[in-house]
Amino acid sequence: MTKEYENEIKTVLYETDFKSEEIFDFADSPYAEELSKVFDFYKTTLTNNSSRFNLKKSYIFYLNNRSVNAKAGTTDKYNLICINAGLMIFLIQNIFEKDEIHELLHSDYNKIYNFLDNPVHILMYQVALHFTFYHELGHLVQNSESLKSFIFERPTEIKEYDLKMHKLEFDADTFSATSISAHIHQYAFKIFGEELTSYQVESVIEVFSSSILLYFLSFEAYKEEIYYEENTHPHPIIRILNVILTISNYCKNSPRLKEKGIEINHNKIYDLTIRNAIKIESQIINSAKAKNFNKMLVDNKVGILNHYQRIIDYKPDDFVSALDRWNETLNT
């Protein structure tokens, strides 16, 4: 365990109701080096974003819990982002260590492979972590009443449907997808240069979106049947549609990409995101949760789009949009 992480948890234990047995000490973990790197990166990122969004002092640490989950919360003095050890272990074992993902997708993306600065599975792992972090950061930016009792990425108990909770999760997803869009934008110019093409940008979005979809499907509460007025989170098919549309629209509206004549087809990106997730699940992760997504969308398109729009249109009086705050900081 690094000195930085040790100092972090000492503060958390002193200032909050968390107990030492609840916090994951990764010193003896076979993944200690990676867990240390991840903590260092997101601690710095959290500090920088706390300043950007004028948040109170914020801490991040690993929970000693083997379920695939994360949560954000607040106390009188501090904000907290808690990532379960189980989530990290899942991402490391199923994506980070799976170099066969790189080989599996090679034939589909051989035109961009020579440009990449990391193997595809490493990039996908990084994006899944980015999405997790920025989603939880989005909840801190929202600073809703729910934050006082912590907002879980996967609820630990069944709660009644609340449209406001769907709105909070949808907005946190949009905030996270927008943050990742900025990374994609920067990354595309970095690896492809000024001569980048529509195909190259779309390919990066497809690979990254596939990782986010696999992240959604990793949660035990995932339901194969479509639902609308249930649970605290919208159904994953609504969430991934929102992510893809958010990233696509960000790139479509980028003046720098427009100058290059870049065109983005979100329908194509959606189809290939699902294809990638199905291939990785069936051949590597030994799961099949994504296989019925296309049929689900066709069979329930009207209901899905209606609930999607309902969430967007719903604007409770006491709601602070993380996405709005993100946009506001661009103009300050």
C-alpha atoms as a PDB file:
ATOM      1  CA  MET A   1       0.000   0.000   0.000  1.00  0.00           C
ATOM      2  CA  THR A   2       1.459   3.350  -1.027  1.00  0.00           C
ATOM      3  CA  LYS A   3       2.009   6.214   1.384  1.00  0.00           C
ATOM      4  CA  GLU A   4      -0.489   8.344  -0.550  1.00  0.00           C
ATOM      5  CA  TYR A   5      -3.224   5.723  -0.260  1.00  0.00           C
ATOM      6  CA  GLU A   6      -2.415   5.145   3.403  1.00  0.00           C
ATOM      7  CA  ASN A   7      -2.803   8.864   4.104  1.00  0.00           C
ATOM      8  CA  GLU A   8      -6.054   8.922   2.163  1.00  0.00           C
ATOM      9  CA  ILE A   9      -7.684   6.167   4.191  1.00  0.00           C
ATOM     10  CA  LYS A  10      -6.369   7.545   7.478  1.00  0.00           C
ATOM     11  CA  THR A  11      -8.283  10.747   6.783  1.00  0.00           C
ATOM     12  CA  VAL A  12     -11.398   8.841   5.724  1.00  0.00           C
ATOM     13  CA  LEU A  13     -11.327   6.728   8.890  1.00  0.00           C
ATOM     14  CA  TYR A  14     -10.805   9.781  11.094  1.00  0.00           C
ATOM     15  CA  GLU A  15     -13.422  12.008   9.478  1.00  0.00           C
ATOM     16  CA  THR A  16     -16.196   9.552   8.514  1.00  0.00           C
ATOM     17  CA  ASP A  17     -18.114   6.563   9.875  1.00  0.00           C
ATOM     18  CA  PHE A  18     -16.212   4.075   7.698  1.00  0.00           C
ATOM     19  CA  LYS A  19     -14.449   1.289   9.609  1.00  0.00           C
ATOM     20  CA  SER A  20     -10.985  -0.026   8.769  1.00  0.00           C
ATOM     21  CA  GLU A  21     -12.388  -3.424   7.793  1.00  0.00           C
ATOM     22  CA  GLU A  22     -14.552  -1.718   5.161  1.00  0.00           C
ATOM     23  CA  ILE A  23     -11.562  -0.279   3.298  1.00  0.00           C
ATOM     24  CA  PHE A  24      -9.508  -2.439   0.961  1.00  0.00           C
ATOM     25  CA  ASP A  25      -5.809  -2.638   1.827  1.00  0.00           C
ATOM     26  CA  PHE A  26      -4.283  -3.844  -1.427  1.00  0.00           C
ATOM     27  CA  ALA A  27      -0.720  -4.280  -0.120  1.00  0.00           C
ATOM     28  CA  ASP A  28      -0.914  -8.080  -0.390  1.00  0.00           C
ATOM     29  CA  SER A  29      -3.069  -8.169  -3.517  1.00  0.00           C
ATOM     30  CA  PRO A  30      -1.585  -9.666  -6.703  1.00  0.00           C
ATOM     31  CA  TYR A  31      -2.937  -6.524  -8.376  1.00  0.00           C
ATOM     32  CA  ALA A  32      -1.252  -4.107  -5.950  1.00  0.00           C
ATOM     33  CA  GLU A  33       0.831  -2.341  -8.604  1.00  0.00           C
ATOM     34  CA  GLU A  34      -2.149  -1.696 -10.865  1.00  0.00           C
ATOM     35  CA  LEU A  35      -4.411  -0.659  -7.993  1.00  0.00           C
ATOM     36  CA  SER A  36      -1.763   1.791  -6.862  1.00  0.00           C
ATOM     37  CA  LYS A  37      -1.453   3.310 -10.339  1.00  0.00           C
ATOM     38  CA  VAL A  38      -5.206   3.647 -10.672  1.00  0.00           C
ATOM     39  CA  PHE A  39      -5.524   5.300  -7.272  1.00  0.00           C
ATOM     40  CA  ASP A  40      -2.714   7.785  -7.995  1.00  0.00           C
ATOM     41  CA  PHE A  41      -4.216   8.757 -11.346  1.00  0.00           C
ATOM     42  CA  TYR A  42      -7.757   9.290 -10.126  1.00  0.00           C
ATOM     43  CA  LYS A  43      -6.672  11.001  -6.923  1.00  0.00           C
ATOM     44  CA  THR A  44      -4.958  13.648  -9.035  1.00  0.00           C
ATOM     45  CA  THR A  45      -7.913  13.814 -11.405  1.00  0.00           C
ATOM     46  CA  LEU A  46     -10.333  14.158  -8.486  1.00  0.00           C
ATOM     47  CA  THR A  47      -8.293  16.972  -6.963  1.00  0.00           C
ATOM     48  CA  ASN A  48      -8.199  18.841 -10.267  1.00  0.00           C
ATOM     49  CA  ASN A  49     -11.920  18.406 -10.877  1.00  0.00           C
ATOM     50  CA  SER A  50     -12.798  19.401  -7.318  1.00  0.00           C
ATOM     51  CA  SER A  51     -11.169  22.724  -8.079  1.00  0.00           C
ATOM     52  CA  ARG A  52     -12.842  22.958 -11.478  1.00  0.00           C
ATOM     53  CA  PHE A  53     -16.343  22.370 -10.098  1.00  0.00           C
ATOM     54  CA  ASN A  54     -15.761  24.125  -6.775  1.00  0.00           C
ATOM     55  CA  LEU A  55     -16.390  20.969  -4.742  1.00  0.00           C
ATOM     56  CA  LYS A  56     -15.477  20.518  -1.103  1.00  0.00           C
ATOM     57  CA  LYS A  57     -12.479  18.361  -0.256  1.00  0.00           C
ATOM     58  CA  SER A  58     -12.900  15.009  -1.992  1.00  0.00           C
ATOM     59  CA  TYR A  59     -11.420  11.572  -1.337  1.00  0.00           C
ATOM     60  CA  ILE A  60     -11.315   8.325  -3.283  1.00  0.00           C
ATOM     61  CA  PHE A  61     -10.573   4.809  -2.035  1.00  0.00           C
ATOM     62  CA  TYR A  62     -11.322   1.112  -2.558  1.00  0.00           C
ATOM     63  CA  LEU A  63     -14.035  -0.631  -0.565  1.00  0.00           C
ATOM     64  CA  ASN A  64     -13.322  -4.099   0.786  1.00  0.00           C
ATOM     65  CA  ASN A  65     -16.260  -5.556  -1.096  1.00  0.00           C
ATOM     66  CA  ARG A  66     -16.089  -8.198  -3.832  1.00  0.00           C
ATOM     67  CA  SER A  67     -19.268  -7.163  -5.659  1.00  0.00           C
ATOM     68  CA  VAL A  68     -18.968  -5.189  -8.901  1.00  0.00           C
ATOM     69  CA  ASN A  69     -20.052  -1.771  -7.675  1.00  0.00           C
ATOM     70  CA  ALA A  70     -19.069   1.809  -6.890  1.00  0.00           C
ATOM     71  CA  LYS A  71     -20.706   4.683  -5.052  1.00  0.00           C
ATOM     72  CA  ALA A  72     -20.446   8.386  -4.344  1.00  0.00           C
ATOM     73  CA  GLY A  73     -21.439  10.180  -1.168  1.00  0.00           C
ATOM     74  CA  THR A  74     -20.913  13.206   1.000  1.00  0.00           C
ATOM     75  CA  THR A  75     -20.428  14.146   4.650  1.00  0.00           C
ATOM     76  CA  ASP A  76     -20.456  17.532   6.315  1.00  0.00           C
ATOM     77  CA  LYS A  77     -16.819  18.102   5.380  1.00  0.00           C
ATOM     78  CA  TYR A  78     -15.919  15.769   2.528  1.00  0.00           C
ATOM     79  CA  ASN A  79     -17.024  14.180  -0.723  1.00  0.00           C
ATOM     80  CA  LEU A  80     -16.218  10.510  -1.247  1.00  0.00           C
ATOM     81  CA  ILE A  81     -15.873   8.219  -4.249  1.00  0.00           C
ATOM     82  CA  CYS A  82     -15.742   4.544  -3.260  1.00  0.00           C
ATOM     83  CA  ILE A  83     -14.800   1.884  -5.806  1.00  0.00           C
ATOM     84  CA  ASN A  84     -15.361  -1.721  -4.788  1.00  0.00           C
ATOM     85  CA  ALA A  85     -12.382  -4.037  -4.928  1.00  0.00           C
ATOM     86  CA  GLY A  86     -14.718  -6.401  -6.806  1.00  0.00           C
ATOM     87  CA  LEU A  87     -15.193  -3.909  -9.616  1.00  0.00           C
ATOM     88  CA  MET A  88     -11.449  -3.476 -10.009  1.00  0.00           C
ATOM     89  CA  ILE A  89     -10.828  -7.225  -9.944  1.00  0.00           C
ATOM     90  CA  PHE A  90     -13.565  -7.788 -12.549  1.00  0.00           C
ATOM     91  CA  LEU A  91     -12.114  -5.195 -14.927  1.00  0.00           C
ATOM     92  CA  ILE A  92      -8.553  -6.429 -14.435  1.00  0.00           C
ATOM     93  CA  GLN A  93      -9.381 -10.104 -14.906  1.00  0.00           C
ATOM     94  CA  ASN A  94     -11.918  -9.714 -17.732  1.00  0.00           C
ATOM     95  CA  ILE A  95     -10.408  -6.872 -19.764  1.00  0.00           C
ATOM     96  CA  PHE A  96      -6.963  -5.687 -18.601  1.00  0.00           C
ATOM     97  CA  GLU A  97      -5.447  -9.194 -18.571  1.00  0.00           C
ATOM     98  CA  LYS A  98      -7.322 -10.434 -21.645  1.00  0.00           C
ATOM     99  CA  ASP A  99      -4.905  -9.738 -24.492  1.00  0.00           C
ATOM    100  CA  GLU A 100      -7.034 -12.070 -26.592  1.00  0.00           C
ATOM    101  CA  ILE A 101      -9.528  -9.177 -26.907  1.00  0.00           C
ATOM    102  CA  HIS A 102      -6.871  -7.365 -28.928  1.00  0.00           C
ATOM    103  CA  GLU A 103      -6.563 -10.364 -31.243  1.00  0.00           C
ATOM    104  CA  LEU A 104     -10.319 -10.931 -31.401  1.00  0.00           C
ATOM    105  CA  LEU A 105     -11.074  -7.444 -32.735  1.00  0.00           C
ATOM    106  CA  HIS A 106      -8.036  -7.239 -35.028  1.00  0.00           C
ATOM    107  CA  SER A 107      -9.843  -8.264 -38.209  1.00  0.00           C
ATOM    108  CA  ASP A 108     -12.598  -5.707 -37.583  1.00  0.00           C
ATOM    109  CA  TYR A 109     -10.223  -2.820 -36.846  1.00  0.00           C
ATOM    110  CA  ASN A 110      -7.006  -3.734 -38.662  1.00  0.00           C
ATOM    111  CA  LYS A 111      -7.012  -0.333 -40.394  1.00  0.00           C
ATOM    112  CA  ILE A 112      -6.446   1.502 -37.106  1.00  0.00           C
ATOM    113  CA  TYR A 113      -4.305  -1.011 -35.194  1.00  0.00           C
ATOM    114  CA  ASN A 114      -0.973   0.373 -36.414  1.00  0.00           C
ATOM    115  CA  PHE A 115      -1.894   3.800 -35.045  1.00  0.00           C
ATOM    116  CA  LEU A 116      -2.811   2.686 -31.514  1.00  0.00           C
ATOM    117  CA  ASP A 117      -0.417   3.469 -28.674  1.00  0.00           C
ATOM    118  CA  ASN A 118      -1.804   0.632 -26.529  1.00  0.00           C
ATOM    119  CA  PRO A 119      -3.447  -2.733 -27.267  1.00  0.00           C
ATOM    120  CA  VAL A 120      -7.227  -2.546 -27.602  1.00  0.00           C
ATOM    121  CA  HIS A 121      -7.921  -4.388 -24.346  1.00  0.00           C
ATOM    122  CA  ILE A 122      -5.815  -1.895 -22.387  1.00  0.00           C
ATOM    123  CA  LEU A 123      -7.666   1.027 -23.968  1.00  0.00           C
ATOM    124  CA  MET A 124     -11.005  -0.610 -23.164  1.00  0.00           C
ATOM    125  CA  TYR A 125      -9.945  -1.160 -19.565  1.00  0.00           C
ATOM    126  CA  GLN A 126      -8.919   2.474 -19.234  1.00  0.00           C
ATOM    127  CA  VAL A 127     -12.208   3.694 -20.677  1.00  0.00           C
ATOM    128  CA  ALA A 128     -14.262   1.503 -18.323  1.00  0.00           C
ATOM    129  CA  LEU A 129     -12.340   3.023 -15.405  1.00  0.00           C
ATOM    130  CA  HIS A 130     -12.811   6.523 -16.816  1.00  0.00           C
ATOM    131  CA  PHE A 131     -16.538   5.967 -17.131  1.00  0.00           C
ATOM    132  CA  THR A 132     -16.762   4.686 -13.557  1.00  0.00           C
ATOM    133  CA  PHE A 133     -14.828   7.625 -12.151  1.00  0.00           C
ATOM    134  CA  TYR A 134     -16.568  10.359 -14.138  1.00  0.00           C
ATOM    135  CA  HIS A 135     -19.993   8.888 -13.415  1.00  0.00           C
ATOM    136  CA  GLU A 136     -19.335   9.059  -9.676  1.00  0.00           C
ATOM    137  CA  LEU A 137     -17.805  12.526 -10.058  1.00  0.00           C
ATOM    138  CA  GLY A 138     -21.013  13.540 -11.836  1.00  0.00           C
ATOM    139  CA  HIS A 139     -22.970  12.620  -8.714  1.00  0.00           C
ATOM    140  CA  LEU A 140     -20.662  14.798  -6.613  1.00  0.00           C
ATOM    141  CA  VAL A 141     -21.244  17.699  -8.996  1.00  0.00           C
ATOM    142  CA  GLN A 142     -25.024  17.171  -8.776  1.00  0.00           C
ATOM    143  CA  ASN A 143     -24.791  17.328  -4.988  1.00  0.00           C
ATOM    144  CA  SER A 144     -28.313  15.937  -4.586  1.00  0.00           C
ATOM    145  CA  GLU A 145     -29.957  14.984  -1.303  1.00  0.00           C
ATOM    146  CA  SER A 146     -29.465  11.327  -2.252  1.00  0.00           C
ATOM    147  CA  LEU A 147     -25.719  11.852  -2.014  1.00  0.00           C
ATOM    148  CA  LYS A 148     -25.959  12.071   1.774  1.00  0.00           C
ATOM    149  CA  SER A 149     -26.943   8.406   1.935  1.00  0.00           C
ATOM    150  CA  PHE A 150     -24.620   7.478  -0.979  1.00  0.00           C
ATOM    151  CA  ILE A 151     -25.629   6.716  -4.547  1.00  0.00           C
ATOM    152  CA  PHE A 152     -24.610   3.238  -5.694  1.00  0.00           C
ATOM    153  CA  GLU A 153     -23.863   2.353  -9.295  1.00  0.00           C
ATOM    154  CA  ARG A 154     -25.654  -0.916  -8.574  1.00  0.00           C
ATOM    155  CA  PRO A 155     -28.171  -0.525  -5.738  1.00  0.00           C
ATOM    156  CA  THR A 156     -27.571  -2.957  -2.896  1.00  0.00           C
ATOM    157  CA  GLU A 157     -31.278  -3.245  -2.188  1.00  0.00           C
ATOM    158  CA  ILE A 158     -34.462  -3.008  -4.221  1.00  0.00           C
ATOM    159  CA  LYS A 159     -35.877   0.497  -4.157  1.00  0.00           C
ATOM    160  CA  GLU A 160     -39.071   1.923  -5.572  1.00  0.00           C
ATOM    161  CA  TYR A 161     -38.949   3.551  -8.987  1.00  0.00           C
ATOM    162  CA  ASP A 162     -38.320   7.264  -8.863  1.00  0.00           C
ATOM    163  CA  LEU A 163     -38.056   9.295 -12.071  1.00  0.00           C
ATOM    164  CA  LYS A 164     -35.706  11.701 -10.322  1.00  0.00           C
ATOM    165  CA  MET A 165     -33.263   8.838  -9.619  1.00  0.00           C
ATOM    166  CA  HIS A 166     -33.390   7.867 -13.298  1.00  0.00           C
ATOM    167  CA  LYS A 167     -32.664  11.511 -14.094  1.00  0.00           C
ATOM    168  CA  LEU A 168     -29.710  11.614 -11.684  1.00  0.00           C
ATOM    169  CA  GLU A 169     -28.200   8.443 -13.170  1.00  0.00           C
ATOM    170  CA  PHE A 170     -28.902   9.521 -16.763  1.00  0.00           C
ATOM    171  CA  ASP A 171     -27.283  12.901 -16.120  1.00  0.00           C
ATOM    172  CA  ALA A 172     -24.257  11.292 -14.433  1.00  0.00           C
ATOM    173  CA  ASP A 173     -23.914   9.006 -17.473  1.00  0.00           C
ATOM    174  CA  THR A 174     -24.119  12.006 -19.801  1.00  0.00           C
ATOM    175  CA  PHE A 175     -21.539  13.880 -17.735  1.00  0.00           C
ATOM    176  CA  SER A 176     -19.236  10.848 -17.871  1.00  0.00           C
ATOM    177  CA  ALA A 177     -19.777  10.295 -21.609  1.00  0.00           C
ATOM    178  CA  THR A 178     -19.074  13.978 -22.280  1.00  0.00           C
ATOM    179  CA  SER A 179     -15.849  13.781 -20.275  1.00  0.00           C
ATOM    180  CA  ILE A 180     -14.852  10.679 -22.247  1.00  0.00           C
ATOM    181  CA  SER A 181     -15.780  12.449 -25.486  1.00  0.00           C
ATOM    182  CA  ALA A 182     -13.168  15.073 -24.697  1.00  0.00           C
ATOM    183  CA  HIS A 183     -10.633  12.263 -24.198  1.00  0.00           C
ATOM    184  CA  ILE A 184     -11.676  10.639 -27.510  1.00  0.00           C
ATOM    185  CA  HIS A 185     -11.350  13.960 -29.318  1.00  0.00           C
ATOM    186  CA  GLN A 186      -7.857  14.522 -27.961  1.00  0.00           C
ATOM    187  CA  TYR A 187      -6.819  10.901 -28.452  1.00  0.00           C
ATOM    188  CA  ALA A 188      -7.996  10.762 -32.085  1.00  0.00           C
ATOM    189  CA  PHE A 189      -5.849  13.729 -33.080  1.00  0.00           C
ATOM    190  CA  LYS A 190      -2.946  12.359 -31.046  1.00  0.00           C
ATOM    191  CA  ILE A 191      -2.794   8.957 -32.741  1.00  0.00           C
ATOM    192  CA  PHE A 192      -4.137   9.734 -36.229  1.00  0.00           C
ATOM    193  CA  GLY A 193      -2.819  13.257 -36.662  1.00  0.00           C
ATOM    194  CA  GLU A 194      -4.414  16.037 -38.655  1.00  0.00           C
ATOM    195  CA  GLU A 195      -5.331  13.688 -41.507  1.00  0.00           C
ATOM    196  CA  LEU A 196      -7.748  11.598 -39.469  1.00  0.00           C
ATOM    197  CA  THR A 197     -10.838  10.182 -41.168  1.00  0.00           C
ATOM    198  CA  SER A 198     -14.468   9.574 -40.263  1.00  0.00           C
ATOM    199  CA  TYR A 199     -13.801   5.827 -40.200  1.00  0.00           C
ATOM    200  CA  GLN A 200     -10.977   6.258 -37.694  1.00  0.00           C
ATOM    201  CA  VAL A 201     -12.993   8.442 -35.324  1.00  0.00           C
ATOM    202  CA  GLU A 202     -16.017   6.137 -35.537  1.00  0.00           C
ATOM    203  CA  SER A 203     -13.827   3.091 -34.875  1.00  0.00           C
ATOM    204  CA  VAL A 204     -12.413   4.601 -31.684  1.00  0.00           C
ATOM    205  CA  ILE A 205     -15.933   5.471 -30.502  1.00  0.00           C
ATOM    206  CA  GLU A 206     -17.127   1.915 -31.235  1.00  0.00           C
ATOM    207  CA  VAL A 207     -14.306   0.289 -29.283  1.00  0.00           C
ATOM    208  CA  PHE A 208     -14.680   2.651 -26.349  1.00  0.00           C
ATOM    209  CA  SER A 209     -18.490   2.348 -26.294  1.00  0.00           C
ATOM    210  CA  SER A 210     -18.166  -1.446 -26.309  1.00  0.00           C
ATOM    211  CA  SER A 211     -16.153  -1.217 -23.119  1.00  0.00           C
ATOM    212  CA  ILE A 212     -18.793   0.952 -21.456  1.00  0.00           C
ATOM    213  CA  LEU A 213     -21.536  -1.475 -22.487  1.00  0.00           C
ATOM    214  CA  LEU A 214     -19.600  -4.407 -21.007  1.00  0.00           C
ATOM    215  CA  TYR A 215     -19.289  -2.343 -17.834  1.00  0.00           C
ATOM    216  CA  PHE A 216     -23.073  -1.866 -17.691  1.00  0.00           C
ATOM    217  CA  LEU A 217     -23.659  -5.578 -18.243  1.00  0.00           C
ATOM    218  CA  SER A 218     -21.248  -6.588 -15.471  1.00  0.00           C
ATOM    219  CA  PHE A 219     -23.707  -5.590 -12.766  1.00  0.00           C
ATOM    220  CA  GLU A 220     -25.636  -8.412 -11.153  1.00  0.00           C
ATOM    221  CA  ALA A 221     -28.898  -6.452 -11.252  1.00  0.00           C
ATOM    222  CA  TYR A 222     -28.954  -6.442 -15.064  1.00  0.00           C
ATOM    223  CA  LYS A 223     -32.313  -7.520 -16.489  1.00  0.00           C
ATOM    224  CA  GLU A 224     -32.681  -9.021 -19.957  1.00  0.00           C
ATOM    225  CA  GLU A 225     -36.260  -7.754 -20.179  1.00  0.00           C
ATOM    226  CA  ILE A 226     -36.849  -4.090 -20.956  1.00  0.00           C
ATOM    227  CA  TYR A 227     -38.236  -1.956 -18.138  1.00  0.00           C
ATOM    228  CA  TYR A 228     -39.077   1.721 -17.738  1.00  0.00           C
ATOM    229  CA  GLU A 229     -40.711   2.559 -14.419  1.00  0.00           C
ATOM    230  CA  GLU A 230     -38.556   0.249 -12.320  1.00  0.00           C
ATOM    231  CA  ASN A 231     -35.255   0.411 -10.424  1.00  0.00           C
ATOM    232  CA  THR A 232     -33.104   3.429  -9.638  1.00  0.00           C
ATOM    233  CA  HIS A 233     -31.213   3.214 -12.950  1.00  0.00           C
ATOM    234  CA  PRO A 234     -32.562   3.226 -16.510  1.00  0.00           C
ATOM    235  CA  HIS A 235     -32.211  -0.065 -18.376  1.00  0.00           C
ATOM    236  CA  PRO A 236     -28.708  -0.588 -19.864  1.00  0.00           C
ATOM    237  CA  ILE A 237     -30.076  -0.317 -23.412  1.00  0.00           C
ATOM    238  CA  ILE A 238     -31.278   3.214 -22.633  1.00  0.00           C
ATOM    239  CA  ARG A 239     -27.994   4.036 -20.928  1.00  0.00           C
ATOM    240  CA  ILE A 240     -25.803   2.821 -23.818  1.00  0.00           C
ATOM    241  CA  LEU A 241     -27.984   4.672 -26.346  1.00  0.00           C
ATOM    242  CA  ASN A 242     -27.469   7.816 -24.320  1.00  0.00           C
ATOM    243  CA  VAL A 243     -23.713   7.266 -24.138  1.00  0.00           C
ATOM    244  CA  ILE A 244     -23.400   6.677 -27.890  1.00  0.00           C
ATOM    245  CA  LEU A 245     -25.573   9.674 -28.760  1.00  0.00           C
ATOM    246  CA  THR A 246     -23.656  11.881 -26.328  1.00  0.00           C
ATOM    247  CA  ILE A 247     -20.255  10.921 -27.753  1.00  0.00           C
ATOM    248  CA  SER A 248     -21.486  11.064 -31.358  1.00  0.00           C
ATOM    249  CA  ASN A 249     -23.038  14.498 -30.902  1.00  0.00           C
ATOM    250  CA  TYR A 250     -19.921  15.805 -29.169  1.00  0.00           C
ATOM    251  CA  CYS A 251     -17.790  14.740 -32.136  1.00  0.00           C
ATOM    252  CA  LYS A 252     -20.354  15.938 -34.679  1.00  0.00           C
ATOM    253  CA  ASN A 253     -20.392  19.385 -33.094  1.00  0.00           C
ATOM    254  CA  SER A 254     -16.625  19.693 -32.717  1.00  0.00           C
ATOM    255  CA  PRO A 255     -15.467  22.654 -34.867  1.00  0.00           C
ATOM    256  CA  ARG A 256     -12.071  21.012 -35.287  1.00  0.00           C
ATOM    257  CA  LEU A 257     -13.603  17.765 -36.572  1.00  0.00           C
ATOM    258  CA  LYS A 258     -16.070  19.641 -38.777  1.00  0.00           C
ATOM    259  CA  GLU A 259     -13.148  21.372 -40.447  1.00  0.00           C
ATOM    260  CA  LYS A 260     -11.800  17.916 -41.331  1.00  0.00           C
ATOM    261  CA  GLY A 261     -15.120  16.884 -42.873  1.00  0.00           C
ATOM    262  CA  ILE A 262     -15.616  14.191 -40.226  1.00  0.00           C
ATOM    263  CA  GLU A 263     -19.074  12.618 -40.325  1.00  0.00           C
ATOM    264  CA  ILE A 264     -20.406  10.436 -37.515  1.00  0.00           C
ATOM    265  CA  ASN A 265     -23.114   7.778 -38.019  1.00  0.00           C
ATOM    266  CA  HIS A 266     -24.494   6.931 -34.574  1.00  0.00           C
ATOM    267  CA  ASN A 267     -26.651   4.076 -35.934  1.00  0.00           C
ATOM    268  CA  LYS A 268     -23.549   2.363 -37.325  1.00  0.00           C
ATOM    269  CA  ILE A 269     -21.687   2.991 -34.080  1.00  0.00           C
ATOM    270  CA  TYR A 270     -24.540   1.468 -32.073  1.00  0.00           C
ATOM    271  CA  ASP A 271     -24.671  -1.655 -34.263  1.00  0.00           C
ATOM    272  CA  LEU A 272     -20.915  -2.233 -34.091  1.00  0.00           C
ATOM    273  CA  THR A 273     -20.784  -1.495 -30.359  1.00  0.00           C
ATOM    274  CA  ILE A 274     -23.282  -4.318 -29.839  1.00  0.00           C
ATOM    275  CA  ARG A 275     -21.358  -6.573 -32.233  1.00  0.00           C
ATOM    276  CA  ASN A 276     -18.109  -6.026 -30.344  1.00  0.00           C
ATOM    277  CA  ALA A 277     -19.731  -6.645 -26.960  1.00  0.00           C
ATOM    278  CA  ILE A 278     -21.356  -9.862 -28.187  1.00  0.00           C
ATOM    279  CA  LYS A 279     -18.041 -11.169 -29.562  1.00  0.00           C
ATOM    280  CA  ILE A 280     -16.123 -10.374 -26.386  1.00  0.00           C
ATOM    281  CA  GLU A 281     -18.825 -11.763 -24.102  1.00  0.00           C
ATOM    282  CA  SER A 282     -19.353 -15.002 -26.021  1.00  0.00           C
ATOM    283  CA  GLN A 283     -15.707 -15.803 -26.758  1.00  0.00           C
ATOM    284  CA  ILE A 284     -13.853 -14.411 -23.748  1.00  0.00           C
ATOM    285  CA  ILE A 285     -16.041 -13.439 -20.787  1.00  0.00           C
ATOM    286  CA  ASN A 286     -18.369 -16.444 -21.175  1.00  0.00           C
ATOM    287  CA  SER A 287     -21.562 -14.422 -21.006  1.00  0.00           C
ATOM    288  CA  ALA A 288     -24.369 -13.565 -23.416  1.00  0.00           C
ATOM    289  CA  LYS A 289     -26.122 -10.528 -21.982  1.00  0.00           C
ATOM    290  CA  ALA A 290     -25.653  -8.316 -25.043  1.00  0.00           C
ATOM    291  CA  LYS A 291     -26.942 -10.775 -27.635  1.00  0.00           C
ATOM    292  CA  ASN A 292     -30.599  -9.698 -27.462  1.00  0.00           C
ATOM    293  CA  PHE A 293     -29.966  -5.929 -27.506  1.00  0.00           C
ATOM    294  CA  ASN A 294     -30.773  -5.429 -31.184  1.00  0.00           C
ATOM    295  CA  LYS A 295     -34.002  -7.421 -30.904  1.00  0.00           C
ATOM    296  CA  MET A 296     -34.904  -5.548 -27.730  1.00  0.00           C
ATOM    297  CA  LEU A 297     -34.465  -2.198 -29.484  1.00  0.00           C
ATOM    298  CA  VAL A 298     -36.524  -3.253 -32.522  1.00  0.00           C
ATOM    299  CA  ASP A 299     -39.320  -4.732 -30.418  1.00  0.00           C
ATOM    300  CA  ASN A 300     -39.470  -1.830 -27.960  1.00  0.00           C
ATOM    301  CA  LYS A 301     -38.190   1.143 -29.948  1.00  0.00           C
ATOM    302  CA  VAL A 302     -41.141   3.418 -29.230  1.00  0.00           C
ATOM    303  CA  GLY A 303     -41.142   2.727 -25.492  1.00  0.00           C
ATOM    304  CA  ILE A 304     -37.361   3.080 -25.236  1.00  0.00           C
ATOM    305  CA  LEU A 305     -37.299   6.402 -27.064  1.00  0.00           C
ATOM    306  CA  ASN A 306     -40.308   7.683 -25.105  1.00  0.00           C
ATOM    307  CA  HIS A 307     -38.636   6.943 -21.755  1.00  0.00           C
ATOM    308  CA  TYR A 308     -35.359   8.357 -23.036  1.00  0.00           C
ATOM    309  CA  GLN A 309     -37.122  11.605 -23.943  1.00  0.00           C
ATOM    310  CA  ARG A 310     -39.121  11.612 -20.717  1.00  0.00           C
ATOM    311  CA  ILE A 311     -35.911  11.561 -18.698  1.00  0.00           C
ATOM    312  CA  ILE A 312     -34.435  14.392 -20.764  1.00  0.00           C
ATOM    313  CA  ASP A 313     -37.581  16.534 -20.437  1.00  0.00           C
ATOM    314  CA  TYR A 314     -37.988  15.999 -16.696  1.00  0.00           C
ATOM    315  CA  LYS A 315     -36.594  19.002 -14.824  1.00  0.00           C
ATOM    316  CA  PRO A 316     -37.338  18.950 -11.079  1.00  0.00           C
ATOM    317  CA  ASP A 317     -36.934  22.277  -9.286  1.00  0.00           C
ATOM    318  CA  ASP A 318     -34.117  21.153  -6.986  1.00  0.00           C
ATOM    319  CA  PHE A 319     -32.095  19.342  -9.651  1.00  0.00           C
ATOM    320  CA  VAL A 320     -28.530  20.401 -10.483  1.00  0.00           C
ATOM    321  CA  SER A 321     -27.368  18.982 -13.796  1.00  0.00           C
ATOM    322  CA  ALA A 322     -23.751  17.798 -13.824  1.00  0.00           C
ATOM    323  CA  LEU A 323     -23.748  18.218 -17.598  1.00  0.00           C
ATOM    324  CA  ASP A 324     -24.847  21.854 -17.267  1.00  0.00           C
ATOM    325  CA  ARG A 325     -22.067  22.451 -14.758  1.00  0.00           C
ATOM    326  CA  TRP A 326     -19.590  20.818 -17.167  1.00  0.00           C
ATOM    327  CA  ASN A 327     -20.689  23.191 -19.929  1.00  0.00           C
ATOM    328  CA  GLU A 328     -20.588  26.198 -17.630  1.00  0.00           C
ATOM    329  CA  THR A 329     -16.956  25.572 -16.739  1.00  0.00           C
ATOM    330  CA  LEU A 330     -16.002  25.784 -20.398  1.00  0.00           C
ATOM    331  CA  ASN A 331     -17.044  29.422 -20.441  1.00  0.00           C
ATOM    332  CA  THR A 332     -15.236  30.521 -17.278  1.00  0.00           C
END
